[in-house]
C-alpha cells in the first residue's frame, strides 16, 4: 500500500530552503513501490517530478503535481577482477557517502567528486563533475524505470549521451525515467589520479603529502570545498548555480588582451572553458546581497539564501540580474546548472 502525502512543504527537501509546497509527495524505497504507484495511475506523466537530494534544483513556485523522492538504497559489488571492481549502487544513496565508502576500500575513480551534494541516481543526469573528473569517467551503466510503461531499461555510457553537466536525461528523456541504480567501474590497482585541476596540487604541497591515495585526494578535495563553499545545513544554497561557459579560443584571446588575469581551461584547439565564478566576481557580485538572496562571500558561483527566508522566485530574479551583468561586461552568456522549477 503506497502512502501519498498531500499538500506538504518542500522546504526540508531542497538545499536552497525555498518554502514552496507540493500537492502530493511519495517516498520510493524500492522498485515494488514504484511499480505499485504506476499500476494505480492517478497522475499524468507531466505531473510527476523525481527528486533526489534536492541540491540541484530551485523551486520558484508551488509544485502542482506529485514529487517522487528517490530513497532506493544499496551498495553491492556486482563483479570484480584483479584490477577493477564494479559497484551497483541504489539511486537513493547519498553521493558523498558513496565516495567515502570507495576511498575507505582504496578504490579509485570518484575521489575528486567528494562532498558533492545529492544522490547517486541524480549523478548521471547532471554528469556531475569537479576538479577535472566527471561521473562519466567511471560510469558503466544504469537501470531506470520508465514511468510511462512501467518497464526497467538499462542504459550504457553511449546511451546516456553525456556532455558537460548534461545527459539525455536533461534533454529528450527528461522526466521520463526514474533511475533505480547506477553501476560504476573503479580501479583497485594502477590508480590514475587527477591532481592538475584547481587547487589540489597546491593543497597537497601545503600539507606535505607526496604519497597519493584515493583517501588523501578525497580529504584534500573536502578541505578545499569546505574552505570556499557553504554547508547547506548552515546557509541555504543549491551548489554551483551557473555552468562554466565554453567560448571560442579566438574570443578567449581577445578577452585575455583586455583582462590579462582571466583564467581559462583549454578543452580543444577551438574551445576554452572560463570559470563562471570569476566572471561573476569581476562583475561585482561576489558577496553581494539583495533582499534575502546573495552570492557567497568566498565563491561567487554559489547563490545563497542569505536570511533563510528567500523564495525561489526571488533567487531566480537575482540570478537573472547576475546573468545580464556578466553578459554586459564580457559578452559571455552564463546559464544555470541548477534545474529551475
C-alpha atoms as a PDB file:
ATOM      1  CA  UNK A   1       0.000   0.000   0.000  1.00  0.00           C
ATOM      2  CA  UNK A   2       1.548   3.261  -1.085  1.00  0.00           C
ATOM      3  CA  UNK A   3       1.064   6.304   1.130  1.00  0.00           C
ATOM      4  CA  UNK A   4       0.915   9.543  -0.791  1.00  0.00           C
ATOM      5  CA  UNK A   5       1.247  12.662   1.359  1.00  0.00           C
ATOM      6  CA  UNK A   6      -0.789  15.720   0.385  1.00  0.00           C
ATOM      7  CA  UNK A   7      -0.078  19.464   0.481  1.00  0.00           C
ATOM      8  CA  UNK A   8       3.299  19.338   2.203  1.00  0.00           C
ATOM      9  CA  UNK A   9       6.177  21.809   2.311  1.00  0.00           C
ATOM     10  CA  UNK A  10       9.152  21.206   0.007  1.00  0.00           C
ATOM     11  CA  UNK A  11      11.353  23.211   2.401  1.00  0.00           C
ATOM     12  CA  UNK A  12      13.005  20.156   4.076  1.00  0.00           C
ATOM     13  CA  UNK A  13      13.671  18.528   0.693  1.00  0.00           C
ATOM     14  CA  UNK A  14      15.621  21.233  -1.140  1.00  0.00           C
ATOM     15  CA  UNK A  15      19.000  22.509  -0.002  1.00  0.00           C
ATOM     16  CA  UNK A  16      18.321  26.116  -1.014  1.00  0.00           C
ATOM     17  CA  UNK A  17      15.496  26.133   1.525  1.00  0.00           C
ATOM     18  CA  UNK A  18      12.779  27.515  -0.767  1.00  0.00           C
ATOM     19  CA  UNK A  19       9.482  27.497   1.097  1.00  0.00           C
ATOM     20  CA  UNK A  20       7.221  26.185  -1.623  1.00  0.00           C
ATOM     21  CA  UNK A  21       4.682  23.358  -1.323  1.00  0.00           C
ATOM     22  CA  UNK A  22       3.870  20.316  -3.413  1.00  0.00           C
ATOM     23  CA  UNK A  23       0.380  18.969  -3.999  1.00  0.00           C
ATOM     24  CA  UNK A  24       1.496  15.354  -3.480  1.00  0.00           C
ATOM     25  CA  UNK A  25       4.636  13.626  -2.215  1.00  0.00           C
ATOM     26  CA  UNK A  26       5.674   9.962  -2.288  1.00  0.00           C
ATOM     27  CA  UNK A  27       8.841   8.305  -0.984  1.00  0.00           C
ATOM     28  CA  UNK A  28      10.114   5.463  -3.191  1.00  0.00           C
ATOM     29  CA  UNK A  29      12.292   2.962  -1.325  1.00  0.00           C
ATOM     30  CA  UNK A  30      12.053   0.031  -3.732  1.00  0.00           C
ATOM     31  CA  UNK A  31      11.028  -0.809  -7.281  1.00  0.00           C
ATOM     32  CA  UNK A  32       7.904  -2.554  -5.997  1.00  0.00           C
ATOM     33  CA  UNK A  33       6.622   0.711  -4.540  1.00  0.00           C
ATOM     34  CA  UNK A  34       7.307   2.466  -7.823  1.00  0.00           C
ATOM     35  CA  UNK A  35       5.517  -0.269  -9.760  1.00  0.00           C
ATOM     36  CA  UNK A  36       2.567  -0.026  -7.396  1.00  0.00           C
ATOM     37  CA  UNK A  37       2.369   3.709  -7.993  1.00  0.00           C
ATOM     38  CA  UNK A  38       2.408   3.288 -11.781  1.00  0.00           C
ATOM     39  CA  UNK A  39      -0.162   0.463 -11.692  1.00  0.00           C
ATOM     40  CA  UNK A  40      -2.547   2.739  -9.809  1.00  0.00           C
ATOM     41  CA  UNK A  41      -2.143   5.642 -12.205  1.00  0.00           C
ATOM     42  CA  UNK A  42      -3.652   8.816 -10.878  1.00  0.00           C
ATOM     43  CA  UNK A  43      -1.226  11.248 -12.439  1.00  0.00           C
ATOM     44  CA  UNK A  44      -0.198  12.260 -15.926  1.00  0.00           C
ATOM     45  CA  UNK A  45       3.488  11.943 -16.807  1.00  0.00           C
ATOM     46  CA  UNK A  46       3.963  15.710 -16.913  1.00  0.00           C
ATOM     47  CA  UNK A  47       2.672  15.957 -13.328  1.00  0.00           C
ATOM     48  CA  UNK A  48       5.452  13.737 -11.964  1.00  0.00           C
ATOM     49  CA  UNK A  49       8.747  15.119 -10.693  1.00  0.00           C
ATOM     50  CA  UNK A  50      11.616  12.934  -9.450  1.00  0.00           C
ATOM     51  CA  UNK A  51      13.662  14.336  -6.569  1.00  0.00           C
ATOM     52  CA  UNK A  52      16.951  13.084  -5.162  1.00  0.00           C
ATOM     53  CA  UNK A  53      18.811  15.131  -2.572  1.00  0.00           C
ATOM     54  CA  UNK A  54      17.204  18.391  -3.677  1.00  0.00           C
ATOM     55  CA  UNK A  55      20.620  20.012  -4.115  1.00  0.00           C
ATOM     56  CA  UNK A  56      20.484  20.913  -7.792  1.00  0.00           C
ATOM     57  CA  UNK A  57      17.005  22.374  -8.034  1.00  0.00           C
ATOM     58  CA  UNK A  58      15.398  25.736  -7.395  1.00  0.00           C
ATOM     59  CA  UNK A  59      11.660  25.793  -6.789  1.00  0.00           C
ATOM     60  CA  UNK A  60      10.300  29.156  -7.911  1.00  0.00           C
ATOM     61  CA  UNK A  61       6.669  28.253  -7.237  1.00  0.00           C
ATOM     62  CA  UNK A  62       4.483  25.598  -5.637  1.00  0.00           C
ATOM     63  CA  UNK A  63       4.605  22.276  -7.458  1.00  0.00           C
ATOM     64  CA  UNK A  64       1.193  21.307  -8.825  1.00  0.00           C
ATOM     65  CA  UNK A  65       1.737  17.584  -9.154  1.00  0.00           C
ATOM     66  CA  UNK A  66       3.446  14.717  -7.356  1.00  0.00           C
ATOM     67  CA  UNK A  67       7.081  14.547  -6.287  1.00  0.00           C
ATOM     68  CA  UNK A  68       8.635  11.083  -6.162  1.00  0.00           C
ATOM     69  CA  UNK A  69      11.522  11.083  -3.685  1.00  0.00           C
ATOM     70  CA  UNK A  70      14.200   8.539  -4.618  1.00  0.00           C
ATOM     71  CA  UNK A  71      15.153   6.600  -1.480  1.00  0.00           C
ATOM     72  CA  UNK A  72      16.283   3.316  -3.070  1.00  0.00           C
ATOM     73  CA  UNK A  73      19.393   2.153  -1.180  1.00  0.00           C
ATOM     74  CA  UNK A  74      22.092  -0.493  -1.510  1.00  0.00           C
ATOM     75  CA  UNK A  75      25.754  -0.788  -2.499  1.00  0.00           C
ATOM     76  CA  UNK A  76      26.752  -4.132  -3.991  1.00  0.00           C
ATOM     77  CA  UNK A  77      29.858  -5.480  -5.688  1.00  0.00           C
ATOM     78  CA  UNK A  78      28.444  -6.693  -8.983  1.00  0.00           C
ATOM     79  CA  UNK A  79      31.749  -8.213 -10.126  1.00  0.00           C
ATOM     80  CA  UNK A  80      35.490  -7.695  -9.755  1.00  0.00           C
ATOM     81  CA  UNK A  81      38.855  -8.826 -11.031  1.00  0.00           C
ATOM     82  CA  UNK A  82      42.434  -8.098 -10.023  1.00  0.00           C
ATOM     83  CA  UNK A  83      42.323  -4.580 -11.444  1.00  0.00           C
ATOM     84  CA  UNK A  84      38.720  -3.335 -11.271  1.00  0.00           C
ATOM     85  CA  UNK A  85      35.584  -3.503  -9.165  1.00  0.00           C
ATOM     86  CA  UNK A  86      32.085  -2.863 -10.482  1.00  0.00           C
ATOM     87  CA  UNK A  87      29.753  -1.338  -7.896  1.00  0.00           C
ATOM     88  CA  UNK A  88      25.974  -1.314  -8.315  1.00  0.00           C
ATOM     89  CA  UNK A  89      24.510   1.481  -6.193  1.00  0.00           C
ATOM     90  CA  UNK A  90      20.892   2.301  -5.360  1.00  0.00           C
ATOM     91  CA  UNK A  91      19.701   5.564  -6.869  1.00  0.00           C
ATOM     92  CA  UNK A  92      18.707   6.958  -3.474  1.00  0.00           C
ATOM     93  CA  UNK A  93      22.139   6.524  -1.876  1.00  0.00           C
ATOM     94  CA  UNK A  94      23.904   9.712  -0.783  1.00  0.00           C
ATOM     95  CA  UNK A  95      26.669  10.518  -3.269  1.00  0.00           C
ATOM     96  CA  UNK A  96      29.279  11.732  -0.796  1.00  0.00           C
ATOM     97  CA  UNK A  97      28.734   8.729   1.483  1.00  0.00           C
ATOM     98  CA  UNK A  98      29.363   6.516  -1.553  1.00  0.00           C
ATOM     99  CA  UNK A  99      32.637   8.348  -2.242  1.00  0.00           C
ATOM    100  CA  UNK A 100      33.742   7.837   1.370  1.00  0.00           C
ATOM    101  CA  UNK A 101      32.881   4.123   1.095  1.00  0.00           C
ATOM    102  CA  UNK A 102      35.026   3.743  -2.027  1.00  0.00           C
ATOM    103  CA  UNK A 103      38.060   5.585  -0.646  1.00  0.00           C
ATOM    104  CA  UNK A 104      37.958   3.513   2.543  1.00  0.00           C
ATOM    105  CA  UNK A 105      38.213   0.441   0.300  1.00  0.00           C
ATOM    106  CA  UNK A 106      41.060   2.082  -1.669  1.00  0.00           C
ATOM    107  CA  UNK A 107      39.010   2.002  -4.855  1.00  0.00           C
ATOM    108  CA  UNK A 108      39.999   4.837  -7.166  1.00  0.00           C
ATOM    109  CA  UNK A 109      37.950   6.899  -9.584  1.00  0.00           C
ATOM    110  CA  UNK A 110      35.489   9.222  -7.834  1.00  0.00           C
ATOM    111  CA  UNK A 111      37.622  10.710  -5.040  1.00  0.00           C
ATOM    112  CA  UNK A 112      37.735  14.090  -6.832  1.00  0.00           C
ATOM    113  CA  UNK A 113      33.947  14.188  -6.577  1.00  0.00           C
ATOM    114  CA  UNK A 114      33.963  14.238  -2.768  1.00  0.00           C
ATOM    115  CA  UNK A 115      31.427  16.400  -0.942  1.00  0.00           C
ATOM    116  CA  UNK A 116      29.203  16.933  -3.970  1.00  0.00           C
ATOM    117  CA  UNK A 117      25.669  17.006  -2.550  1.00  0.00           C
ATOM    118  CA  UNK A 118      22.834  14.883  -3.893  1.00  0.00           C
ATOM    119  CA  UNK A 119      22.048  11.271  -4.640  1.00  0.00           C
ATOM    120  CA  UNK A 120      23.671   8.634  -6.817  1.00  0.00           C
ATOM    121  CA  UNK A 121      20.613   8.499  -9.083  1.00  0.00           C
ATOM    122  CA  UNK A 122      20.986  12.182  -9.901  1.00  0.00           C
ATOM    123  CA  UNK A 123      24.708  11.944 -10.698  1.00  0.00           C
ATOM    124  CA  UNK A 124      24.432  10.727 -14.319  1.00  0.00           C
ATOM    125  CA  UNK A 125      21.538  13.082 -15.093  1.00  0.00           C
ATOM    126  CA  UNK A 126      23.788  16.044 -14.381  1.00  0.00           C
ATOM    127  CA  UNK A 127      27.022  14.231 -15.261  1.00  0.00           C
ATOM    128  CA  UNK A 128      28.354  15.716 -12.035  1.00  0.00           C
ATOM    129  CA  UNK A 129      31.954  16.832 -12.084  1.00  0.00           C
ATOM    130  CA  UNK A 130      34.677  18.593 -10.125  1.00  0.00           C
ATOM    131  CA  UNK A 131      38.440  19.081 -10.281  1.00  0.00           C
ATOM    132  CA  UNK A 132      38.888  17.591 -13.736  1.00  0.00           C
ATOM    133  CA  UNK A 133      36.741  14.484 -13.166  1.00  0.00           C
ATOM    134  CA  UNK A 134      33.164  13.697 -14.221  1.00  0.00           C
ATOM    135  CA  UNK A 135      30.929  10.794 -13.293  1.00  0.00           C
ATOM    136  CA  UNK A 136      31.035   9.590 -16.915  1.00  0.00           C
ATOM    137  CA  UNK A 137      34.729   8.730 -16.403  1.00  0.00           C
ATOM    138  CA  UNK A 138      33.826   5.754 -14.187  1.00  0.00           C
ATOM    139  CA  UNK A 139      30.271   5.190 -15.392  1.00  0.00           C
ATOM    140  CA  UNK A 140      29.460   1.687 -16.633  1.00  0.00           C
ATOM    141  CA  UNK A 141      25.660   1.595 -16.852  1.00  0.00           C
ATOM    142  CA  UNK A 142      22.422   2.428 -15.087  1.00  0.00           C
ATOM    143  CA  UNK A 143      18.988   0.908 -14.684  1.00  0.00           C
ATOM    144  CA  UNK A 144      15.934   3.110 -14.915  1.00  0.00           C
ATOM    145  CA  UNK A 145      12.201   2.623 -14.567  1.00  0.00           C
ATOM    146  CA  UNK A 146      10.244   4.050 -17.494  1.00  0.00           C
ATOM    147  CA  UNK A 147       7.305   5.867 -15.938  1.00  0.00           C
ATOM    148  CA  UNK A 148       5.036   5.602 -18.954  1.00  0.00           C
ATOM    149  CA  UNK A 149       5.371   1.839 -19.479  1.00  0.00           C
ATOM    150  CA  UNK A 150       6.437   0.565 -16.067  1.00  0.00           C
ATOM    151  CA  UNK A 151       9.384  -1.327 -17.520  1.00  0.00           C
ATOM    152  CA  UNK A 152      13.049  -1.370 -16.492  1.00  0.00           C
ATOM    153  CA  UNK A 153      15.615  -0.306 -19.082  1.00  0.00           C
ATOM    154  CA  UNK A 154      19.404  -0.490 -18.944  1.00  0.00           C
ATOM    155  CA  UNK A 155      21.481   2.432 -20.288  1.00  0.00           C
ATOM    156  CA  UNK A 156      25.133   2.210 -21.328  1.00  0.00           C
ATOM    157  CA  UNK A 157      27.520   5.178 -21.324  1.00  0.00           C
ATOM    158  CA  UNK A 158      26.806   5.779 -25.020  1.00  0.00           C
ATOM    159  CA  UNK A 159      23.057   5.642 -24.389  1.00  0.00           C
ATOM    160  CA  UNK A 160      23.367   8.442 -21.820  1.00  0.00           C
ATOM    161  CA  UNK A 161      24.860  10.929 -24.288  1.00  0.00           C
ATOM    162  CA  UNK A 162      26.984  12.593 -21.631  1.00  0.00           C
ATOM    163  CA  UNK A 163      28.118  16.197 -22.104  1.00  0.00           C
ATOM    164  CA  UNK A 164      29.309  18.990 -19.834  1.00  0.00           C
ATOM    165  CA  UNK A 165      26.822  18.844 -16.935  1.00  0.00           C
ATOM    166  CA  UNK A 166      24.447  17.187 -19.355  1.00  0.00           C
ATOM    167  CA  UNK A 167      22.915  13.894 -20.474  1.00  0.00           C
ATOM    168  CA  UNK A 168      19.889  12.614 -22.382  1.00  0.00           C
ATOM    169  CA  UNK A 169      18.017  12.746 -19.057  1.00  0.00           C
ATOM    170  CA  UNK A 170      18.191  16.541 -19.186  1.00  0.00           C
ATOM    171  CA  UNK A 171      17.104  16.613 -22.830  1.00  0.00           C
ATOM    172  CA  UNK A 172      14.592  14.414 -24.662  1.00  0.00           C
ATOM    173  CA  UNK A 173      14.313  11.870 -21.821  1.00  0.00           C
ATOM    174  CA  UNK A 174      13.783  14.477 -19.107  1.00  0.00           C
ATOM    175  CA  UNK A 175      11.199  13.331 -16.560  1.00  0.00           C
ATOM    176  CA  UNK A 176      10.565  10.023 -18.330  1.00  0.00           C
ATOM    177  CA  UNK A 177      12.760   7.709 -16.256  1.00  0.00           C
ATOM    178  CA  UNK A 178      13.293   7.044 -12.544  1.00  0.00           C
ATOM    179  CA  UNK A 179      16.915   5.920 -12.078  1.00  0.00           C
ATOM    180  CA  UNK A 180      16.900   2.944  -9.722  1.00  0.00           C
ATOM    181  CA  UNK A 181      20.614   2.049  -9.782  1.00  0.00           C
ATOM    182  CA  UNK A 182      23.969   3.141 -11.194  1.00  0.00           C
ATOM    183  CA  UNK A 183      26.959   0.885 -11.845  1.00  0.00           C
ATOM    184  CA  UNK A 184      30.463   2.376 -11.637  1.00  0.00           C
ATOM    185  CA  UNK A 185      33.775   0.786 -12.626  1.00  0.00           C
ATOM    186  CA  UNK A 186      36.541   1.681 -10.168  1.00  0.00           C
ATOM    187  CA  UNK A 187      40.235   0.833 -10.061  1.00  0.00           C
ATOM    188  CA  UNK A 188      41.612  -1.493  -7.383  1.00  0.00           C
ATOM    189  CA  UNK A 189      45.207  -1.163  -8.624  1.00  0.00           C
ATOM    190  CA  UNK A 190      47.198   1.032 -11.038  1.00  0.00           C
ATOM    191  CA  UNK A 191      45.479   4.103  -9.695  1.00  0.00           C
ATOM    192  CA  UNK A 192      45.342   7.069 -12.093  1.00  0.00           C
ATOM    193  CA  UNK A 193      44.973  10.273 -10.083  1.00  0.00           C
ATOM    194  CA  UNK A 194      43.936  13.644 -11.449  1.00  0.00           C
ATOM    195  CA  UNK A 195      45.503  16.419  -9.375  1.00  0.00           C
ATOM    196  CA  UNK A 196      46.201  19.016 -12.050  1.00  0.00           C
ATOM    197  CA  UNK A 197      42.862  20.840 -11.897  1.00  0.00           C
ATOM    198  CA  UNK A 198      42.156  23.661  -9.487  1.00  0.00           C
ATOM    199  CA  UNK A 199      43.903  23.881  -6.140  1.00  0.00           C
ATOM    200  CA  UNK A 200      44.535  20.180  -5.487  1.00  0.00           C
ATOM    201  CA  UNK A 201      48.280  20.195  -6.191  1.00  0.00           C
ATOM    202  CA  UNK A 202      48.838  23.337  -4.130  1.00  0.00           C
ATOM    203  CA  UNK A 203      46.904  21.915  -1.190  1.00  0.00           C
ATOM    204  CA  UNK A 204      48.824  18.628  -1.355  1.00  0.00           C
ATOM    205  CA  UNK A 205      52.110  20.562  -1.265  1.00  0.00           C
ATOM    206  CA  UNK A 206      50.916  22.698   1.645  1.00  0.00           C
ATOM    207  CA  UNK A 207      50.027  19.540   3.592  1.00  0.00           C
ATOM    208  CA  UNK A 208      53.315  17.893   2.646  1.00  0.00           C
ATOM    209  CA  UNK A 209      51.546  14.944   1.028  1.00  0.00           C
ATOM    210  CA  UNK A 210      53.702  13.167  -1.549  1.00  0.00           C
ATOM    211  CA  UNK A 211      52.210   9.664  -1.432  1.00  0.00           C
ATOM    212  CA  UNK A 212      48.825   9.758  -3.133  1.00  0.00           C
ATOM    213  CA  UNK A 213      45.844   7.548  -2.411  1.00  0.00           C
ATOM    214  CA  UNK A 214      42.092   7.828  -3.015  1.00  0.00           C
ATOM    215  CA  UNK A 215      41.739   8.842   0.622  1.00  0.00           C
ATOM    216  CA  UNK A 216      44.375  11.621   0.575  1.00  0.00           C
ATOM    217  CA  UNK A 217      42.874  13.048  -2.644  1.00  0.00           C
ATOM    218  CA  UNK A 218      39.379  12.891  -1.148  1.00  0.00           C
ATOM    219  CA  UNK A 219      40.477  14.580   2.078  1.00  0.00           C
ATOM    220  CA  UNK A 220      42.212  17.299   0.062  1.00  0.00           C
ATOM    221  CA  UNK A 221      39.131  17.956  -2.060  1.00  0.00           C
ATOM    222  CA  UNK A 222      36.966  18.071   1.070  1.00  0.00           C
ATOM    223  CA  UNK A 223      39.326  20.620   2.649  1.00  0.00           C
ATOM    224  CA  UNK A 224      39.248  22.792  -0.485  1.00  0.00           C
ATOM    225  CA  UNK A 225      35.463  22.655  -0.805  1.00  0.00           C
ATOM    226  CA  UNK A 226      34.932  23.379   2.876  1.00  0.00           C
ATOM    227  CA  UNK A 227      37.200  26.410   2.607  1.00  0.00           C
ATOM    228  CA  UNK A 228      35.118  28.075  -0.086  1.00  0.00           C
ATOM    229  CA  UNK A 229      31.656  26.501  -0.246  1.00  0.00           C
ATOM    230  CA  UNK A 230      28.857  26.917   2.306  1.00  0.00           C
ATOM    231  CA  UNK A 231      27.295  23.941   4.062  1.00  0.00           C
ATOM    232  CA  UNK A 232      23.602  23.844   3.042  1.00  0.00           C
ATOM    233  CA  UNK A 233      22.755  22.956   6.640  1.00  0.00           C
ATOM    234  CA  UNK A 234      24.169  26.340   7.705  1.00  0.00           C
ATOM    235  CA  UNK A 235      23.395  28.526   4.673  1.00  0.00           C
ATOM    236  CA  UNK A 236      20.766  27.514   2.134  1.00  0.00           C
ATOM    237  CA  UNK A 237      22.180  27.009  -1.364  1.00  0.00           C
ATOM    238  CA  UNK A 238      21.873  24.668  -4.311  1.00  0.00           C
ATOM    239  CA  UNK A 239      25.569  24.331  -5.093  1.00  0.00           C
ATOM    240  CA  UNK A 240      27.159  25.873  -8.153  1.00  0.00           C
ATOM    241  CA  UNK A 241      24.319  27.856  -9.663  1.00  0.00           C
ATOM    242  CA  UNK A 242      25.816  28.502 -13.109  1.00  0.00           C
ATOM    243  CA  UNK A 243      27.726  26.295 -15.526  1.00  0.00           C
ATOM    244  CA  UNK A 244      31.200  27.396 -16.554  1.00  0.00           C
ATOM    245  CA  UNK A 245      30.746  28.799 -20.068  1.00  0.00           C
ATOM    246  CA  UNK A 246      32.681  27.420 -23.021  1.00  0.00           C
ATOM    247  CA  UNK A 247      33.853  30.047 -25.508  1.00  0.00           C
ATOM    248  CA  UNK A 248      35.916  30.025 -28.681  1.00  0.00           C
ATOM    249  CA  UNK A 249      39.687  30.236 -28.475  1.00  0.00           C
ATOM    250  CA  UNK A 250      39.550  33.441 -30.509  1.00  0.00           C
ATOM    251  CA  UNK A 251      37.111  35.082 -28.097  1.00  0.00           C
ATOM    252  CA  UNK A 252      39.244  33.966 -25.166  1.00  0.00           C
ATOM    253  CA  UNK A 253      42.379  35.502 -26.681  1.00  0.00           C
ATOM    254  CA  UNK A 254      40.530  38.786 -27.216  1.00  0.00           C
ATOM    255  CA  UNK A 255      39.311  38.794 -23.609  1.00  0.00           C
ATOM    256  CA  UNK A 256      42.824  37.926 -22.414  1.00  0.00           C
ATOM    257  CA  UNK A 257      44.121  41.112 -24.007  1.00  0.00           C
ATOM    258  CA  UNK A 258      41.536  43.198 -22.185  1.00  0.00           C
ATOM    259  CA  UNK A 259      41.537  41.178 -18.936  1.00  0.00           C
ATOM    260  CA  UNK A 260      45.014  39.584 -18.548  1.00  0.00           C
ATOM    261  CA  UNK A 261      44.053  37.730 -15.365  1.00  0.00           C
ATOM    262  CA  UNK A 262      41.075  35.885 -16.878  1.00  0.00           C
ATOM    263  CA  UNK A 263      41.519  32.158 -16.206  1.00  0.00           C
ATOM    264  CA  UNK A 264      40.713  29.526 -18.792  1.00  0.00           C
ATOM    265  CA  UNK A 265      40.925  25.764 -19.265  1.00  0.00           C
ATOM    266  CA  UNK A 266      41.691  24.583 -22.790  1.00  0.00           C
ATOM    267  CA  UNK A 267      39.210  21.949 -23.950  1.00  0.00           C
ATOM    268  CA  UNK A 268      40.376  21.712 -27.544  1.00  0.00           C
ATOM    269  CA  UNK A 269      42.106  23.788 -30.198  1.00  0.00           C
ATOM    270  CA  UNK A 270      38.902  25.737 -30.691  1.00  0.00           C
ATOM    271  CA  UNK A 271      37.335  25.886 -27.206  1.00  0.00           C
ATOM    272  CA  UNK A 272      38.205  27.237 -23.765  1.00  0.00           C
ATOM    273  CA  UNK A 273      36.189  26.883 -20.554  1.00  0.00           C
ATOM    274  CA  UNK A 274      36.060  30.017 -18.407  1.00  0.00           C
ATOM    275  CA  UNK A 275      35.160  29.869 -14.673  1.00  0.00           C
ATOM    276  CA  UNK A 276      31.737  31.451 -14.207  1.00  0.00           C
ATOM    277  CA  UNK A 277      32.669  32.328 -10.625  1.00  0.00           C
ATOM    278  CA  UNK A 278      35.479  34.590 -11.866  1.00  0.00           C
ATOM    279  CA  UNK A 279      33.174  36.330 -14.337  1.00  0.00           C
ATOM    280  CA  UNK A 280      30.556  36.913 -11.629  1.00  0.00           C
ATOM    281  CA  UNK A 281      33.192  38.152  -9.185  1.00  0.00           C
ATOM    282  CA  UNK A 282      34.655  40.574 -11.731  1.00  0.00           C
ATOM    283  CA  UNK A 283      31.149  41.850 -12.474  1.00  0.00           C
ATOM    284  CA  UNK A 284      30.856  42.985  -8.863  1.00  0.00           C
ATOM    285  CA  UNK A 285      28.540  40.331  -7.442  1.00  0.00           C
ATOM    286  CA  UNK A 286      30.744  38.367  -5.049  1.00  0.00           C
ATOM    287  CA  UNK A 287      29.293  38.630  -1.545  1.00  0.00           C
ATOM    288  CA  UNK A 288      26.543  40.970  -2.717  1.00  0.00           C
ATOM    289  CA  UNK A 289      23.150  40.523  -1.023  1.00  0.00           C
ATOM    290  CA  UNK A 290      19.888  41.954  -2.310  1.00  0.00           C
ATOM    291  CA  UNK A 291      16.928  41.310  -0.048  1.00  0.00           C
ATOM    292  CA  UNK A 292      17.104  37.679   1.044  1.00  0.00           C
ATOM    293  CA  UNK A 293      19.429  36.411  -1.718  1.00  0.00           C
ATOM    294  CA  UNK A 294      23.136  36.857  -2.378  1.00  0.00           C
ATOM    295  CA  UNK A 295      26.288  35.239  -3.667  1.00  0.00           C
ATOM    296  CA  UNK A 296      28.582  33.527  -1.208  1.00  0.00           C
ATOM    297  CA  UNK A 297      31.395  35.750   0.005  1.00  0.00           C
ATOM    298  CA  UNK A 298      34.017  33.063  -0.670  1.00  0.00           C
ATOM    299  CA  UNK A 299      32.667  31.765  -4.001  1.00  0.00           C
ATOM    300  CA  UNK A 300      30.605  33.935  -6.331  1.00  0.00           C
ATOM    301  CA  UNK A 301      29.341  30.894  -8.239  1.00  0.00           C
ATOM    302  CA  UNK A 302      27.099  29.943  -5.313  1.00  0.00           C
ATOM    303  CA  UNK A 303      23.796  31.737  -4.754  1.00  0.00           C
ATOM    304  CA  UNK A 304      22.736  31.680  -1.110  1.00  0.00           C
ATOM    305  CA  UNK A 305      19.537  32.011   0.880  1.00  0.00           C
ATOM    306  CA  UNK A 306      21.146  34.795   2.921  1.00  0.00           C
ATOM    307  CA  UNK A 307      18.378  35.212   5.504  1.00  0.00           C
ATOM    308  CA  UNK A 308      16.831  31.755   5.337  1.00  0.00           C
ATOM    309  CA  UNK A 309      13.596  33.351   4.172  1.00  0.00           C
ATOM    310  CA  UNK A 310      14.250  33.675   0.429  1.00  0.00           C
ATOM    311  CA  UNK A 311      11.706  32.430  -2.066  1.00  0.00           C
ATOM    312  CA  UNK A 312      12.779  30.593  -5.178  1.00  0.00           C
ATOM    313  CA  UNK A 313      11.237  33.343  -7.275  1.00  0.00           C
ATOM    314  CA  UNK A 314      13.424  35.914  -5.513  1.00  0.00           C
ATOM    315  CA  UNK A 315      16.540  33.793  -6.113  1.00  0.00           C
ATOM    316  CA  UNK A 316      15.736  33.386  -9.799  1.00  0.00           C
ATOM    317  CA  UNK A 317      15.242  37.133 -10.196  1.00  0.00           C
ATOM    318  CA  UNK A 318      18.650  37.718  -8.574  1.00  0.00           C
ATOM    319  CA  UNK A 319      20.239  35.114 -10.858  1.00  0.00           C
ATOM    320  CA  UNK A 320      18.833  36.842 -13.925  1.00  0.00           C
ATOM    321  CA  UNK A 321      20.425  40.114 -12.836  1.00  0.00           C
ATOM    322  CA  UNK A 322      23.782  38.379 -12.393  1.00  0.00           C
ATOM    323  CA  UNK A 323      23.494  36.784 -15.826  1.00  0.00           C
ATOM    324  CA  UNK A 324      22.685  40.089 -17.520  1.00  0.00           C
ATOM    325  CA  UNK A 325      25.537  41.848 -15.720  1.00  0.00           C
ATOM    326  CA  UNK A 326      28.116  39.255 -16.842  1.00  0.00           C
ATOM    327  CA  UNK A 327      26.883  39.429 -20.432  1.00  0.00           C
ATOM    328  CA  UNK A 328      27.051  43.213 -20.456  1.00  0.00           C
ATOM    329  CA  UNK A 329      30.666  43.222 -19.198  1.00  0.00           C
ATOM    330  CA  UNK A 330      32.158  40.224 -21.038  1.00  0.00           C
ATOM    331  CA  UNK A 331      29.658  39.403 -23.800  1.00  0.00           C
ATOM    332  CA  UNK A 332      29.551  35.864 -22.374  1.00  0.00           C
ATOM    333  CA  UNK A 333      26.280  34.138 -21.600  1.00  0.00           C
ATOM    334  CA  UNK A 334      26.218  32.078 -18.404  1.00  0.00           C
ATOM    335  CA  UNK A 335      23.430  29.539 -17.955  1.00  0.00           C
ATOM    336  CA  UNK A 336      22.078  27.783 -14.862  1.00  0.00           C
ATOM    337  CA  UNK A 337      23.488  24.441 -13.837  1.00  0.00           C
ATOM    338  CA  UNK A 338      20.564  24.215 -11.431  1.00  0.00           C
ATOM    339  CA  UNK A 339      17.182  22.923 -12.583  1.00  0.00           C
ATOM    340  CA  UNK A 340      14.619  25.723 -12.406  1.00  0.00           C
ATOM    341  CA  UNK A 341      11.110  24.553 -11.483  1.00  0.00           C
END
